[in-house]
Structure formats: structure tokens, C-alpha cells
Amino acid sequence: MIPVKLGAKLRVIMMAVAILAVASIAATSLYMLTDRLARDTMEPFFPHLADAPFELQSASGGMISQRDLIGQPQLMFFGFTHCPEICPTTLYRMSSIAERLAATEQLGIVFVTVDPDRDSAALLADYISNFAPNITALTGPAEAVQQLTNHYRVVVQKVDLDDGDYTVDHTASVFMFDREGRFSGLIAWGEADAMIEEKIKRLIN
């Protein structure tokens, strides 16, 4: 027979566990709902790959167009090799999460430079060699890059530095596309790994 005081404590513990379980389910459901609503809201603003034609030079040689990206889920990120923090951190996180999910062969990562004047194909090739092998880096004439950034409303702002050099402020979100090339949502800068993993799982399944 369980003592009255101990029985009361067990009931409190069991109730707390039940509340936590319900809260966890509710939080997951809310996340899925808000994520779906967010994607539905964003879809009119960001085109599918087929609706944003481009042709840029790949770091591995040759030209890449939007048609080459259709057939495999893609994460597209706009950045540059001289970026001090956001770009290497984002590429590292996307690469690491893809590897953790054993999804490097199922998922493509596209890195489009917003600094084509400095980012040659050779420089990009050296840069992405620090990350997972499923990254495709793209550069090209400034006009062609700008056309693509305009398609996806990517903010790109050149900022002069005191030493005579410059940096580039840019949108830090990652654009997601499913295997049919349809825009499927965004991954925000600083978003938690667990949320990113859930988004990528849905993207590749």
C-alpha cells in the first residue's frame, strides 16, 4: 500500500508529466500550423524555380540554370566569400544538418554570390571545399546575379569600409524548393537546428 503523502506526490508528478506531454504536442501542432500558414502567405511573393529563369557559372565549371536544379530538393542561399560570419555559419549549419539527416545525396545546397566582382568560379570552388560536397556555388555577370536576386527579393547593399575595402549586406534567409522546383518556404537566420531539421525532413520526403 502506497502511503498517502507519497501517493499524493506521485499524482502531482504524473499530472505534471501529463501537462508537459500535452504542452509538447500543442507546441508541435502550433509550429506545424504556423509554418504552413507562413509558407502559404509567402508563396505569392517568391517564385518557383521555373518562374525565375537564370543561367550562371558553376564553381565546378560549366553553366547552371534553374532547370538543372529541378528534380532534387534544394536550399538556396545568397552570400559571398568575404562574408565574416553569416555566410560560413549558414553553409556550415546547412551542411551539418544534411549530413546528420543522411540527406547529402537527396538534398542540394545552392550558394549564389552577391559579390560577383570578387567571387570568381575558382575562389568559390576553394571556398565551398570547406563544407559538404553537395554545395553548388554560382557566379556570373553582375546583371545576371542581380536579376536572380530581384526575382527572390533578396536585399543586397554594398557598404564601403574605412580601410577602402567594402562588404555586402544581404538577406540571410535560406530559400527552400521541393523536387519539382516549387518554392516551399524559408529558413531564417538563427533558426533552431530542431526546426531546420523538421523543415528539411518534410522537404526531402
Protein backbone atom coordinates (compact mmCIF):
# COMPACT_ATOMS: atom_id res chain seq x y z
CA MET A 1 0.00 0.00 0.00
CA ILE A 2 1.37 3.43 -1.00
CA PRO A 3 1.48 5.95 1.86
CA VAL A 4 -0.98 8.82 1.49
CA LYS A 5 1.74 11.51 1.25
CA LEU A 6 3.76 9.52 -1.31
CA GLY A 7 0.63 8.78 -3.31
CA ALA A 8 -0.18 12.48 -3.43
CA LYS A 9 3.35 13.27 -4.63
CA LEU A 10 3.10 10.63 -7.36
CA ARG A 11 -0.22 12.08 -8.52
CA VAL A 12 1.36 15.54 -8.72
CA ILE A 13 4.33 14.17 -10.70
CA MET A 14 2.07 12.22 -13.06
CA MET A 15 -0.10 15.30 -13.57
CA ALA A 16 2.98 17.41 -14.33
CA VAL A 17 4.21 14.83 -16.86
CA ALA A 18 0.78 14.76 -18.50
CA ILE A 19 0.69 18.55 -18.71
CA LEU A 20 4.17 18.62 -20.25
CA ALA A 21 3.17 15.96 -22.79
CA VAL A 22 0.06 17.91 -23.78
CA ALA A 23 2.09 21.14 -23.98
CA SER A 24 4.67 19.42 -26.20
CA ILE A 25 2.00 18.10 -28.56
CA ALA A 26 0.33 21.51 -28.64
CA ALA A 27 3.64 23.25 -29.37
CA THR A 28 4.42 20.84 -32.20
CA SER A 29 0.94 21.26 -33.68
CA LEU A 30 1.18 25.04 -33.39
CA TYR A 31 4.60 25.03 -35.08
CA MET A 32 3.30 22.90 -37.97
CA LEU A 33 0.24 25.12 -38.35
CA THR A 34 2.13 28.42 -38.22
CA ASP A 35 4.81 27.07 -40.57
CA ARG A 36 2.15 26.01 -43.08
CA LEU A 37 0.40 29.39 -42.77
CA ALA A 38 3.73 31.17 -43.22
CA ARG A 39 4.50 29.19 -46.37
CA ASP A 40 1.01 29.85 -47.76
CA THR A 41 1.47 33.57 -47.07
CA MET A 42 4.94 33.74 -48.66
CA GLU A 43 4.24 31.69 -51.79
CA PRO A 44 2.74 34.58 -53.80
CA PHE A 45 5.86 36.67 -53.12
CA PHE A 46 8.56 34.16 -54.07
CA PRO A 47 8.50 32.39 -57.45
CA HIS A 48 9.05 28.72 -58.17
CA LEU A 49 12.33 27.89 -59.92
CA ALA A 50 10.66 27.55 -63.32
CA ASP A 51 9.29 31.09 -62.97
CA ALA A 52 12.69 32.65 -62.21
CA PRO A 53 14.94 31.66 -65.11
CA PHE A 54 18.69 32.20 -64.80
CA GLU A 55 21.98 30.91 -66.15
CA LEU A 56 25.11 31.33 -64.03
CA GLN A 57 28.60 29.88 -63.96
CA SER A 58 29.19 26.98 -61.60
CA ALA A 59 32.31 26.85 -59.43
CA SER A 60 32.92 23.37 -60.82
CA GLY A 61 32.82 24.58 -64.43
CA GLY A 62 30.02 24.96 -66.94
CA MET A 63 26.77 26.82 -66.73
CA ILE A 64 23.86 26.09 -64.40
CA SER A 65 20.27 27.15 -64.97
CA GLN A 66 17.10 26.76 -62.93
CA ARG A 67 16.30 23.65 -64.99
CA ASP A 68 19.35 21.87 -63.59
CA LEU A 69 18.05 22.28 -60.04
CA ILE A 70 14.65 20.73 -60.65
CA GLY A 71 14.40 17.04 -59.78
CA GLN A 72 16.03 17.33 -56.34
CA PRO A 73 15.04 19.38 -53.27
CA GLN A 74 17.22 22.47 -52.98
CA LEU A 75 18.27 25.00 -50.37
CA MET A 76 19.31 28.29 -51.98
CA PHE A 77 21.37 30.86 -50.08
CA PHE A 78 22.72 34.21 -51.27
CA GLY A 79 26.04 35.35 -49.82
CA PHE A 80 29.72 36.00 -50.60
CA THR A 81 33.13 34.59 -49.75
CA HIS A 82 34.34 37.67 -47.83
CA CYS A 83 31.33 37.43 -45.52
CA PRO A 84 32.70 37.31 -41.97
CA GLU A 85 30.00 35.37 -40.14
CA ILE A 86 26.55 34.79 -41.61
CA CYS A 87 27.62 33.01 -44.81
CA PRO A 88 30.13 30.49 -43.42
CA THR A 89 27.87 29.84 -40.42
CA THR A 90 24.82 29.23 -42.62
CA LEU A 91 26.66 26.94 -45.05
CA TYR A 92 28.21 25.02 -42.16
CA ARG A 93 24.85 24.58 -40.43
CA MET A 94 23.02 23.50 -43.59
CA SER A 95 25.84 21.08 -44.46
CA SER A 96 25.99 19.66 -40.94
CA ILE A 97 22.24 19.17 -40.65
CA ALA A 98 22.09 17.50 -44.08
CA GLU A 99 24.88 15.14 -43.03
CA ARG A 100 23.19 14.44 -39.71
CA LEU A 101 19.99 13.52 -41.55
CA ALA A 102 21.98 11.41 -44.05
CA ALA A 103 20.48 13.63 -46.73
CA THR A 104 23.54 14.91 -48.61
CA GLU A 105 22.66 12.82 -51.66
CA GLN A 106 18.97 13.76 -51.52
CA LEU A 107 19.39 17.48 -51.00
CA GLY A 108 21.19 20.15 -52.99
CA ILE A 109 22.57 23.35 -51.47
CA VAL A 110 22.98 26.28 -53.85
CA PHE A 111 25.23 29.19 -52.87
CA VAL A 112 24.73 32.24 -55.10
CA THR A 113 27.28 35.02 -54.69
CA VAL A 114 26.05 38.57 -54.25
CA ASP A 115 29.61 39.81 -54.87
CA PRO A 116 30.41 38.60 -58.40
CA ASP A 117 33.12 41.25 -58.87
CA ARG A 118 35.33 39.43 -56.33
CA ASP A 119 33.87 35.92 -56.29
CA SER A 120 35.29 34.12 -59.30
CA ALA A 121 34.46 30.49 -60.00
CA ALA A 122 37.90 29.46 -58.75
CA LEU A 123 37.52 31.40 -55.49
CA LEU A 124 34.06 29.92 -54.93
CA ALA A 125 35.37 26.41 -55.58
CA ASP A 126 38.03 26.86 -52.93
CA TYR A 127 35.53 28.38 -50.51
CA ILE A 128 32.87 25.65 -50.69
CA SER A 129 35.51 22.92 -50.36
CA ASN A 130 35.34 23.67 -46.63
CA PHE A 131 31.76 22.38 -46.46
CA ALA A 132 29.69 19.40 -47.58
CA PRO A 133 30.15 18.12 -51.15
CA ASN A 134 26.52 18.75 -52.12
CA ILE A 135 27.01 22.52 -52.46
CA THR A 136 26.79 24.17 -55.87
CA ALA A 137 28.28 27.68 -55.95
CA LEU A 138 27.24 30.11 -58.66
CA THR A 139 28.64 33.38 -60.00
CA GLY A 140 28.35 35.36 -63.21
CA PRO A 141 27.96 38.85 -64.64
CA ALA A 142 26.62 41.35 -62.11
CA GLU A 143 23.49 41.89 -64.21
CA ALA A 144 22.66 38.17 -64.25
CA VAL A 145 23.18 37.85 -60.49
CA GLN A 146 21.06 40.93 -59.87
CA GLN A 147 18.26 39.51 -61.98
CA LEU A 148 18.15 36.43 -59.76
CA THR A 149 18.31 38.41 -56.51
CA ASN A 150 15.47 40.60 -57.81
CA HIS A 151 13.36 37.51 -58.51
CA TYR A 152 13.60 36.47 -54.87
CA ARG A 153 13.53 39.97 -53.37
CA VAL A 154 16.99 39.49 -51.89
CA VAL A 155 18.29 42.71 -50.36
CA VAL A 156 21.87 43.42 -51.49
CA GLN A 157 23.64 46.55 -50.31
CA LYS A 158 27.32 47.33 -50.88
CA VAL A 159 28.85 49.06 -47.83
CA ASP A 160 32.17 50.91 -48.03
CA LEU A 161 34.61 50.32 -45.17
CA ASP A 162 37.05 52.78 -43.60
CA ASP A 163 40.08 50.90 -44.95
CA GLY A 164 38.95 51.40 -48.54
CA ASP A 165 37.55 47.88 -48.88
CA TYR A 166 33.85 47.03 -48.87
CA THR A 167 31.42 44.48 -47.53
CA VAL A 168 27.93 43.49 -48.63
CA ASP A 169 24.80 43.49 -46.50
CA HIS A 170 22.32 40.91 -47.77
CA THR A 171 19.26 38.84 -46.95
CA ALA A 172 20.30 35.98 -44.69
CA SER A 173 17.36 33.61 -45.21
CA VAL A 174 17.65 30.25 -46.97
CA PHE A 175 15.10 29.57 -49.72
CA MET A 176 13.68 26.04 -49.91
CA PHE A 177 12.45 24.34 -53.09
CA ASP A 178 10.94 20.88 -53.44
CA ARG A 179 11.99 18.37 -56.09
CA GLU A 180 9.52 19.90 -58.56
CA GLY A 181 11.19 23.27 -58.10
CA ARG A 182 8.30 24.77 -56.15
CA PHE A 183 9.09 27.37 -53.50
CA SER A 184 8.50 25.66 -50.15
CA GLY A 185 9.37 28.23 -47.50
CA LEU A 186 12.28 29.94 -45.79
CA ILE A 187 14.83 29.06 -43.14
CA ALA A 188 15.54 32.15 -41.08
CA TRP A 189 18.97 33.23 -39.86
CA GLY A 190 19.42 31.90 -36.33
CA GLU A 191 16.55 29.42 -36.55
CA ALA A 192 16.94 26.47 -34.15
CA ASP A 193 18.52 23.28 -35.53
CA ALA A 194 15.49 21.20 -34.49
CA MET A 195 13.16 23.39 -36.55
CA ILE A 196 15.51 23.33 -39.54
CA GLU A 197 15.71 19.54 -39.34
CA GLU A 198 11.92 19.26 -39.41
CA LYS A 199 11.71 21.55 -42.45
CA ILE A 200 14.38 19.60 -44.33
CA LYS A 201 12.76 16.26 -43.44
CA ARG A 202 9.48 17.46 -44.93
CA LEU A 203 11.30 18.83 -47.96
CA ILE A 204 13.05 15.58 -48.86
CA ASN A 205 10.20 13.18 -48.00
